[in-house]
Amino acid sequence: MRIGELGRATGVDIETIRYYEKLGLLPAPARSSNGYRAYGAAHLERLAFVRHCRALDMPLAEIKRLLDFVAHPDADCGDINRLIDDQLARTRARLKSMRALEKQLIALRARCETGHVAAECGILHELVAAAHGEACACHPAVNKMEFRRRFGEQEEGEIAGKAKSPRIL
């Protein structure tokens, strides 16, 4: 089958298939007499394996390691277990981060009810306060030293040469 057929069969973009070939996740296909790549059932199976691993958000380097285990079925699976345990730990850390982000967004959203003009919007005021290094509903205050490190040596209340104003940026 040609690359377009392989892509349709697996739901993987053609450029991604070529990228996986370049990385060695897919073996180079044979070339037909007209120069087109000719993929077989082994390519289809391997690409489906890679796609499934990517759906589990596994990094490409880890997928390559798993493919090495597929090629060496007599190897001990302890490293496979550790690889999945590491992926699970990364996933749990991201979930924790996403829950914290959700709380921040809820706190920010609570700062404004509907029916205001933008100049009176509590959300915008909170975001502007944070841009000036002040505490906001979703983040604690950045100390002045950290603020100056991030934005340079401007005077307090000044960002990139613009004076702090009670108005929205």
N, C-alpha and C. Protein backbone atom coordinates (compact mmCIF):
# COMPACT_ATOMS: atom_id res chain seq x y z
N MET A 1 0.85 -1.18 0.00
CA MET A 1 0.00 0.00 0.00
C MET A 1 0.88 1.23 0.00
N ARG A 2 0.36 2.31 -0.49
CA ARG A 2 1.08 3.57 -0.54
C ARG A 2 0.89 4.33 0.78
N ILE A 3 1.68 5.39 0.94
CA ILE A 3 1.70 6.13 2.20
C ILE A 3 0.33 6.72 2.53
N GLY A 4 -0.40 7.19 1.55
CA GLY A 4 -1.73 7.75 1.79
C GLY A 4 -2.69 6.69 2.30
N GLU A 5 -2.59 5.49 1.75
CA GLU A 5 -3.45 4.39 2.22
C GLU A 5 -3.09 4.00 3.64
N LEU A 6 -1.79 3.95 3.94
CA LEU A 6 -1.34 3.64 5.30
C LEU A 6 -1.85 4.70 6.27
N GLY A 7 -1.76 5.95 5.87
CA GLY A 7 -2.24 7.04 6.71
C GLY A 7 -3.73 6.94 6.98
N ARG A 8 -4.50 6.67 5.94
CA ARG A 8 -5.96 6.53 6.12
C ARG A 8 -6.30 5.32 6.99
N ALA A 9 -5.57 4.24 6.82
CA ALA A 9 -5.85 3.02 7.58
C ALA A 9 -5.56 3.19 9.06
N THR A 10 -4.62 4.05 9.40
CA THR A 10 -4.22 4.22 10.81
C THR A 10 -4.65 5.56 11.40
N GLY A 11 -5.08 6.50 10.56
CA GLY A 11 -5.43 7.83 11.05
C GLY A 11 -4.22 8.68 11.35
N VAL A 12 -3.08 8.36 10.74
CA VAL A 12 -1.85 9.11 10.96
C VAL A 12 -1.53 9.92 9.72
N ASP A 13 -1.20 11.20 9.91
CA ASP A 13 -0.88 12.11 8.82
C ASP A 13 0.36 11.62 8.06
N ILE A 14 0.41 11.87 6.77
CA ILE A 14 1.52 11.43 5.92
C ILE A 14 2.85 11.99 6.41
N GLU A 15 2.87 13.27 6.77
CA GLU A 15 4.13 13.87 7.25
C GLU A 15 4.58 13.22 8.55
N THR A 16 3.65 12.83 9.38
CA THR A 16 3.99 12.15 10.63
C THR A 16 4.58 10.78 10.34
N ILE A 17 4.02 10.09 9.36
CA ILE A 17 4.57 8.78 8.97
C ILE A 17 6.01 8.95 8.52
N ARG A 18 6.28 9.95 7.69
CA ARG A 18 7.65 10.19 7.22
C ARG A 18 8.57 10.53 8.40
N TYR A 19 8.05 11.31 9.35
CA TYR A 19 8.83 11.66 10.53
C TYR A 19 9.16 10.41 11.35
N TYR A 20 8.19 9.55 11.54
CA TYR A 20 8.42 8.30 12.27
C TYR A 20 9.46 7.43 11.56
N GLU A 21 9.44 7.43 10.24
CA GLU A 21 10.45 6.69 9.48
C GLU A 21 11.83 7.27 9.77
N LYS A 22 11.93 8.61 9.73
CA LYS A 22 13.21 9.27 9.96
C LYS A 22 13.76 8.96 11.35
N LEU A 23 12.87 8.86 12.34
CA LEU A 23 13.29 8.56 13.71
C LEU A 23 13.61 7.08 13.92
N GLY A 24 13.20 6.25 12.97
CA GLY A 24 13.44 4.82 13.12
C GLY A 24 12.31 4.09 13.82
N LEU A 25 11.19 4.78 14.04
CA LEU A 25 10.03 4.09 14.64
C LEU A 25 9.36 3.17 13.64
N LEU A 26 9.47 3.50 12.38
CA LEU A 26 8.98 2.65 11.29
C LEU A 26 10.16 2.29 10.42
N PRO A 27 10.25 1.03 10.01
CA PRO A 27 11.34 0.68 9.09
C PRO A 27 11.09 1.32 7.73
N ALA A 28 12.18 1.58 7.03
CA ALA A 28 12.04 2.16 5.70
C ALA A 28 11.29 1.17 4.81
N PRO A 29 10.30 1.64 4.10
CA PRO A 29 9.56 0.74 3.23
C PRO A 29 10.33 0.45 1.94
N ALA A 30 9.96 -0.62 1.30
CA ALA A 30 10.51 -0.90 -0.02
C ALA A 30 9.99 0.17 -0.98
N ARG A 31 10.65 0.32 -2.10
CA ARG A 31 10.20 1.26 -3.12
C ARG A 31 9.71 0.47 -4.32
N SER A 32 8.58 0.89 -4.84
CA SER A 32 8.06 0.25 -6.05
C SER A 32 8.86 0.74 -7.25
N SER A 33 8.63 0.18 -8.39
CA SER A 33 9.39 0.54 -9.60
C SER A 33 9.24 2.01 -9.96
N ASN A 34 8.12 2.61 -9.59
CA ASN A 34 7.92 4.03 -9.88
C ASN A 34 8.45 4.95 -8.77
N GLY A 35 9.10 4.38 -7.76
CA GLY A 35 9.71 5.16 -6.69
C GLY A 35 8.84 5.43 -5.48
N TYR A 36 7.58 5.02 -5.54
CA TYR A 36 6.69 5.22 -4.41
C TYR A 36 7.05 4.25 -3.28
N ARG A 37 6.83 4.72 -2.07
CA ARG A 37 7.01 3.84 -0.91
C ARG A 37 5.94 2.75 -0.98
N ALA A 38 6.34 1.54 -0.67
CA ALA A 38 5.40 0.41 -0.67
C ALA A 38 5.37 -0.19 0.74
N TYR A 39 4.28 0.05 1.44
CA TYR A 39 4.13 -0.42 2.81
C TYR A 39 3.39 -1.74 2.85
N GLY A 40 3.72 -2.54 3.85
CA GLY A 40 3.06 -3.83 4.01
C GLY A 40 2.33 -3.92 5.34
N ALA A 41 1.86 -5.12 5.61
CA ALA A 41 1.10 -5.37 6.85
C ALA A 41 1.94 -5.08 8.10
N ALA A 42 3.24 -5.36 8.04
CA ALA A 42 4.12 -5.11 9.19
C ALA A 42 4.18 -3.61 9.51
N HIS A 43 4.20 -2.78 8.46
CA HIS A 43 4.20 -1.33 8.67
C HIS A 43 2.88 -0.88 9.30
N LEU A 44 1.80 -1.43 8.81
CA LEU A 44 0.48 -1.10 9.33
C LEU A 44 0.39 -1.45 10.82
N GLU A 45 0.85 -2.63 11.17
CA GLU A 45 0.80 -3.07 12.57
C GLU A 45 1.69 -2.20 13.45
N ARG A 46 2.89 -1.93 12.97
CA ARG A 46 3.82 -1.13 13.76
C ARG A 46 3.31 0.31 13.93
N LEU A 47 2.78 0.89 12.86
CA LEU A 47 2.25 2.25 12.96
C LEU A 47 1.04 2.30 13.88
N ALA A 48 0.21 1.27 13.85
CA ALA A 48 -0.93 1.21 14.77
C ALA A 48 -0.42 1.13 16.22
N PHE A 49 0.65 0.39 16.44
CA PHE A 49 1.27 0.29 17.77
C PHE A 49 1.75 1.67 18.23
N VAL A 50 2.48 2.37 17.35
CA VAL A 50 3.00 3.70 17.68
C VAL A 50 1.85 4.65 17.96
N ARG A 51 0.84 4.61 17.13
CA ARG A 51 -0.31 5.51 17.30
C ARG A 51 -1.00 5.25 18.64
N HIS A 52 -1.14 3.98 19.00
CA HIS A 52 -1.78 3.65 20.28
C HIS A 52 -0.94 4.19 21.45
N CYS A 53 0.37 4.02 21.36
CA CYS A 53 1.25 4.54 22.41
C CYS A 53 1.16 6.07 22.48
N ARG A 54 1.09 6.74 21.33
CA ARG A 54 0.96 8.20 21.33
C ARG A 54 -0.37 8.62 21.93
N ALA A 55 -1.42 7.81 21.69
CA ALA A 55 -2.73 8.11 22.29
C ALA A 55 -2.64 8.03 23.82
N LEU A 56 -1.68 7.26 24.32
CA LEU A 56 -1.43 7.18 25.77
C LEU A 56 -0.44 8.25 26.21
N ASP A 57 -0.12 9.17 25.29
CA ASP A 57 0.76 10.32 25.53
C ASP A 57 2.20 9.91 25.86
N MET A 58 2.61 8.77 25.35
CA MET A 58 3.98 8.33 25.58
C MET A 58 4.94 9.09 24.68
N PRO A 59 6.07 9.50 25.22
CA PRO A 59 7.08 10.17 24.39
C PRO A 59 7.64 9.21 23.34
N LEU A 60 8.09 9.76 22.23
CA LEU A 60 8.60 8.94 21.14
C LEU A 60 9.80 8.08 21.57
N ALA A 61 10.65 8.62 22.43
CA ALA A 61 11.81 7.85 22.91
C ALA A 61 11.35 6.61 23.67
N GLU A 62 10.29 6.74 24.45
CA GLU A 62 9.77 5.60 25.19
C GLU A 62 9.12 4.58 24.25
N ILE A 63 8.47 5.07 23.21
CA ILE A 63 7.86 4.17 22.23
C ILE A 63 8.96 3.38 21.53
N LYS A 64 10.06 4.04 21.24
CA LYS A 64 11.19 3.35 20.61
C LYS A 64 11.70 2.23 21.53
N ARG A 65 11.78 2.51 22.81
CA ARG A 65 12.20 1.47 23.76
C ARG A 65 11.22 0.31 23.77
N LEU A 66 9.92 0.62 23.74
CA LEU A 66 8.92 -0.45 23.71
C LEU A 66 9.05 -1.28 22.44
N LEU A 67 9.32 -0.62 21.32
CA LEU A 67 9.51 -1.35 20.07
C LEU A 67 10.73 -2.26 20.14
N ASP A 68 11.75 -1.84 20.87
CA ASP A 68 12.91 -2.71 21.08
C ASP A 68 12.49 -3.97 21.84
N PHE A 69 11.60 -3.82 22.80
CA PHE A 69 11.10 -4.99 23.53
C PHE A 69 10.27 -5.89 22.62
N VAL A 70 9.49 -5.29 21.74
CA VAL A 70 8.72 -6.08 20.78
C VAL A 70 9.68 -6.91 19.93
N ALA A 71 10.80 -6.32 19.54
CA ALA A 71 11.79 -7.02 18.70
C ALA A 71 12.57 -8.06 19.48
N HIS A 72 12.58 -7.95 20.80
CA HIS A 72 13.31 -8.91 21.66
C HIS A 72 12.35 -9.47 22.70
N PRO A 73 11.47 -10.36 22.30
CA PRO A 73 10.42 -10.85 23.19
C PRO A 73 10.92 -11.66 24.39
N ASP A 74 12.19 -12.07 24.37
CA ASP A 74 12.72 -12.83 25.50
C ASP A 74 13.28 -11.94 26.60
N ALA A 75 13.31 -10.64 26.38
CA ALA A 75 13.84 -9.70 27.37
C ALA A 75 12.91 -9.62 28.57
N ASP A 76 13.49 -9.31 29.73
CA ASP A 76 12.72 -9.15 30.95
C ASP A 76 11.79 -7.95 30.83
N CYS A 77 10.56 -8.09 31.32
CA CYS A 77 9.59 -7.00 31.17
C CYS A 77 9.63 -5.99 32.33
N GLY A 78 10.57 -6.13 33.24
CA GLY A 78 10.68 -5.17 34.34
C GLY A 78 10.86 -3.75 33.86
N ASP A 79 11.66 -3.57 32.81
CA ASP A 79 11.86 -2.21 32.27
C ASP A 79 10.59 -1.68 31.64
N ILE A 80 9.78 -2.56 31.07
CA ILE A 80 8.50 -2.14 30.50
C ILE A 80 7.59 -1.64 31.61
N ASN A 81 7.56 -2.36 32.71
CA ASN A 81 6.75 -1.94 33.85
C ASN A 81 7.21 -0.59 34.38
N ARG A 82 8.52 -0.40 34.49
CA ARG A 82 9.05 0.89 34.97
C ARG A 82 8.71 2.01 33.99
N LEU A 83 8.77 1.72 32.72
CA LEU A 83 8.43 2.72 31.70
C LEU A 83 6.98 3.16 31.86
N ILE A 84 6.09 2.22 32.05
CA ILE A 84 4.67 2.55 32.24
C ILE A 84 4.46 3.24 33.58
N ASP A 85 5.17 2.80 34.61
CA ASP A 85 5.08 3.47 35.91
C ASP A 85 5.51 4.93 35.80
N ASP A 86 6.59 5.19 35.04
CA ASP A 86 7.05 6.56 34.83
C ASP A 86 6.01 7.38 34.08
N GLN A 87 5.39 6.78 33.07
CA GLN A 87 4.35 7.49 32.31
C GLN A 87 3.16 7.79 33.21
N LEU A 88 2.81 6.85 34.04
CA LEU A 88 1.71 7.05 34.99
C LEU A 88 2.04 8.19 35.96
N ALA A 89 3.27 8.25 36.43
CA ALA A 89 3.69 9.34 37.33
C ALA A 89 3.60 10.69 36.62
N ARG A 90 4.05 10.74 35.35
CA ARG A 90 3.95 12.00 34.59
C ARG A 90 2.49 12.40 34.40
N THR A 91 1.65 11.42 34.14
CA THR A 91 0.22 11.70 33.94
C THR A 91 -0.40 12.21 35.23
N ARG A 92 -0.07 11.60 36.34
CA ARG A 92 -0.60 12.06 37.63
C ARG A 92 -0.13 13.47 37.96
N ALA A 93 1.11 13.78 37.64
CA ALA A 93 1.63 15.14 37.88
C ALA A 93 0.88 16.15 37.02
N ARG A 94 0.62 15.81 35.77
CA ARG A 94 -0.13 16.72 34.90
C ARG A 94 -1.56 16.89 35.39
N LEU A 95 -2.17 15.81 35.85
CA LEU A 95 -3.53 15.92 36.39
C LEU A 95 -3.56 16.85 37.61
N LYS A 96 -2.57 16.71 38.47
CA LYS A 96 -2.49 17.59 39.64
C LYS A 96 -2.34 19.04 39.20
N SER A 97 -1.50 19.26 38.22
CA SER A 97 -1.31 20.61 37.68
C SER A 97 -2.59 21.13 37.04
N MET A 98 -3.30 20.30 36.33
CA MET A 98 -4.55 20.71 35.68
C MET A 98 -5.63 21.02 36.72
N ARG A 99 -5.67 20.27 37.83
CA ARG A 99 -6.63 20.57 38.89
C ARG A 99 -6.32 21.93 39.52
N ALA A 100 -5.03 22.22 39.70
CA ALA A 100 -4.64 23.53 40.24
C ALA A 100 -5.01 24.64 39.27
N LEU A 101 -4.80 24.40 37.98
CA LEU A 101 -5.18 25.37 36.97
C LEU A 101 -6.68 25.61 36.99
N GLU A 102 -7.45 24.55 37.12
CA GLU A 102 -8.91 24.68 37.18
C GLU A 102 -9.31 25.57 38.37
N LYS A 103 -8.70 25.36 39.52
CA LYS A 103 -9.01 26.18 40.69
C LYS A 103 -8.67 27.64 40.45
N GLN A 104 -7.53 27.89 39.79
CA GLN A 104 -7.14 29.26 39.49
C GLN A 104 -8.15 29.92 38.55
N LEU A 105 -8.57 29.19 37.55
CA LEU A 105 -9.54 29.75 36.61
C LEU A 105 -10.90 29.98 37.26
N ILE A 106 -11.30 29.10 38.15
CA ILE A 106 -12.56 29.29 38.88
C ILE A 106 -12.47 30.55 39.74
N ALA A 107 -11.33 30.72 40.43
CA ALA A 107 -11.16 31.92 41.26
C ALA A 107 -11.16 33.18 40.41
N LEU A 108 -10.52 33.12 39.26
CA LEU A 108 -10.50 34.26 38.36
C LEU A 108 -11.90 34.56 37.82
N ARG A 109 -12.61 33.54 37.42
CA ARG A 109 -13.95 33.73 36.85
C ARG A 109 -14.90 34.33 37.88
N ALA A 110 -14.70 34.02 39.15
CA ALA A 110 -15.57 34.53 40.21
C ALA A 110 -15.40 36.04 40.41
N ARG A 111 -14.40 36.64 39.82
CA ARG A 111 -14.14 38.07 39.99
C ARG A 111 -15.03 38.96 39.13
N CYS A 112 -15.81 38.38 38.24
CA CYS A 112 -16.62 39.22 37.36
C CYS A 112 -17.94 38.55 37.03
N GLU A 113 -18.99 39.29 37.21
CA GLU A 113 -20.31 38.84 36.78
C GLU A 113 -20.58 39.44 35.42
N THR A 114 -21.58 38.98 34.75
CA THR A 114 -21.89 39.51 33.43
C THR A 114 -22.52 40.89 33.55
N GLY A 115 -22.54 41.61 32.45
CA GLY A 115 -23.22 42.90 32.42
C GLY A 115 -22.34 44.10 32.70
N HIS A 116 -21.02 43.95 32.70
CA HIS A 116 -20.11 45.07 32.93
C HIS A 116 -19.44 45.46 31.63
N VAL A 117 -18.96 46.69 31.59
CA VAL A 117 -18.08 47.08 30.51
C VAL A 117 -16.68 46.57 30.85
N ALA A 118 -15.84 46.44 29.85
CA ALA A 118 -14.51 45.89 30.05
C ALA A 118 -13.71 46.64 31.12
N ALA A 119 -13.86 47.97 31.19
CA ALA A 119 -13.13 48.76 32.17
C ALA A 119 -13.50 48.39 33.60
N GLU A 120 -14.66 47.78 33.81
CA GLU A 120 -15.10 47.37 35.14
C GLU A 120 -14.99 45.87 35.35
N CYS A 121 -14.41 45.18 34.41
CA CYS A 121 -14.32 43.72 34.48
C CYS A 121 -13.30 43.29 35.53
N GLY A 122 -13.77 42.56 36.51
CA GLY A 122 -12.89 42.08 37.57
C GLY A 122 -11.82 41.13 37.07
N ILE A 123 -12.15 40.35 36.05
CA ILE A 123 -11.15 39.43 35.50
C ILE A 123 -9.99 40.21 34.90
N LEU A 124 -10.30 41.22 34.08
CA LEU A 124 -9.23 42.01 33.48
C LEU A 124 -8.42 42.74 34.54
N HIS A 125 -9.08 43.26 35.57
CA HIS A 125 -8.35 43.94 36.64
C HIS A 125 -7.39 42.98 37.34
N GLU A 126 -7.83 41.76 37.57
CA GLU A 126 -6.97 40.76 38.20
C GLU A 126 -5.77 40.44 37.31
N LEU A 127 -6.01 40.28 36.01
CA LEU A 127 -4.92 39.96 35.09
C LEU A 127 -3.93 41.11 34.98
N VAL A 128 -4.43 42.33 34.97
CA VAL A 128 -3.54 43.50 34.93
C VAL A 128 -2.74 43.58 36.23
N ALA A 129 -3.38 43.33 37.35
CA ALA A 129 -2.67 43.35 38.63
C ALA A 129 -1.52 42.34 38.61
N ALA A 130 -1.80 41.15 38.09
CA ALA A 130 -0.75 40.12 38.01
C ALA A 130 0.37 40.56 37.08
N ALA A 131 0.02 41.24 35.98
CA ALA A 131 1.04 41.74 35.05
C ALA A 131 1.94 42.76 35.70
N HIS A 132 1.45 43.43 36.75
CA HIS A 132 2.24 44.42 37.49
C HIS A 132 2.94 43.80 38.70
N GLY A 133 2.88 42.49 38.82
CA GLY A 133 3.56 41.82 39.92
C GLY A 133 2.78 41.82 41.21
N GLU A 134 1.52 42.17 41.15
CA GLU A 134 0.68 42.18 42.35
C GLU A 134 -0.04 40.86 42.48
N ALA A 135 -0.58 40.63 43.66
CA ALA A 135 -1.37 39.42 43.87
C ALA A 135 -2.64 39.51 43.04
N CYS A 136 -3.12 38.39 42.60
CA CYS A 136 -4.41 38.35 41.91
C CYS A 136 -5.18 37.14 42.44
N ALA A 137 -6.38 36.99 42.00
CA ALA A 137 -7.23 35.91 42.49
C ALA A 137 -6.64 34.53 42.21
N CYS A 138 -5.85 34.43 41.15
CA CYS A 138 -5.37 33.10 40.75
C CYS A 138 -3.90 32.86 41.06
N HIS A 139 -3.14 33.89 41.45
CA HIS A 139 -1.73 33.72 41.77
C HIS A 139 -1.34 34.59 42.95
N PRO A 140 -0.45 34.08 43.78
CA PRO A 140 0.04 34.93 44.87
C PRO A 140 0.92 36.04 44.29
N ALA A 141 1.19 37.03 45.10
CA ALA A 141 2.01 38.16 44.65
C ALA A 141 3.40 37.68 44.29
N VAL A 142 3.95 38.25 43.24
CA VAL A 142 5.34 38.03 42.89
C VAL A 142 6.12 39.08 43.66
N ASN A 143 7.19 38.66 44.37
CA ASN A 143 7.91 39.67 45.12
C ASN A 143 8.60 40.65 44.17
N LYS A 144 8.92 41.82 44.67
CA LYS A 144 9.44 42.88 43.82
C LYS A 144 10.77 42.49 43.16
N MET A 145 11.60 41.74 43.85
CA MET A 145 12.88 41.32 43.26
C MET A 145 12.61 40.38 42.07
N GLU A 146 11.71 39.47 42.23
CA GLU A 146 11.37 38.56 41.14
C GLU A 146 10.75 39.32 39.99
N PHE A 147 9.90 40.30 40.29
CA PHE A 147 9.27 41.13 39.26
C PHE A 147 10.35 41.86 38.45
N ARG A 148 11.31 42.45 39.13
CA ARG A 148 12.37 43.18 38.43
C ARG A 148 13.26 42.23 37.63
N ARG A 149 13.50 41.03 38.16
CA ARG A 149 14.30 40.05 37.43
C ARG A 149 13.60 39.69 36.12
N ARG A 150 12.29 39.52 36.18
CA ARG A 150 11.53 39.12 34.98
C ARG A 150 11.40 40.25 33.98
N PHE A 151 11.17 41.48 34.45
CA PHE A 151 10.82 42.57 33.55
C PHE A 151 11.88 43.68 33.48
N GLY A 152 13.00 43.50 34.10
CA GLY A 152 14.05 44.51 34.03
C GLY A 152 13.99 45.45 35.22
N GLU A 153 14.75 46.50 35.17
CA GLU A 153 14.92 47.42 36.29
C GLU A 153 13.97 48.60 36.24
N GLN A 154 12.79 48.45 35.71
CA GLN A 154 11.84 49.56 35.66
C GLN A 154 11.47 49.99 37.07
N GLU A 155 10.96 51.16 37.13
CA GLU A 155 10.44 51.65 38.39
C GLU A 155 9.26 50.79 38.81
N GLU A 156 9.00 50.73 40.10
CA GLU A 156 7.87 49.96 40.60
C GLU A 156 6.59 50.42 39.89
N GLY A 157 5.81 49.48 39.43
CA GLY A 157 4.56 49.80 38.75
C GLY A 157 4.74 50.10 37.28
N GLU A 158 5.92 49.86 36.76
CA GLU A 158 6.17 50.17 35.36
C GLU A 158 6.59 48.88 34.64
N ILE A 159 5.97 48.61 33.51
CA ILE A 159 6.33 47.43 32.73
C ILE A 159 6.72 47.88 31.34
N ALA A 160 7.91 47.49 30.91
CA ALA A 160 8.38 47.77 29.55
C ALA A 160 8.16 49.23 29.15
N GLY A 161 8.43 50.15 30.08
CA GLY A 161 8.35 51.56 29.75
C GLY A 161 6.97 52.16 29.84
N LYS A 162 5.95 51.39 30.23
CA LYS A 162 4.60 51.93 30.34
C LYS A 162 4.24 52.05 31.81
N ALA A 163 3.83 53.21 32.19
CA ALA A 163 3.49 53.46 33.59
C ALA A 163 2.24 52.69 33.96
N LYS A 164 2.22 52.23 35.20
CA LYS A 164 1.04 51.52 35.70
C LYS A 164 -0.14 52.49 35.75
N SER A 165 -1.26 51.99 35.35
CA SER A 165 -2.46 52.82 35.30
C SER A 165 -3.60 52.02 35.87
N PRO A 166 -4.58 52.69 36.49
CA PRO A 166 -5.71 51.93 36.97
C PRO A 166 -6.55 51.38 35.81
N ARG A 167 -6.33 51.94 34.63
CA ARG A 167 -7.07 51.44 33.47
C ARG A 167 -6.46 50.13 33.01
N ILE A 168 -7.21 49.45 32.16
CA ILE A 168 -6.72 48.21 31.58
C ILE A 168 -5.55 48.55 30.67
N LEU A 169 -4.49 47.78 30.74
CA LEU A 169 -3.27 47.97 29.95
C LEU A 169 -3.51 48.96 28.85
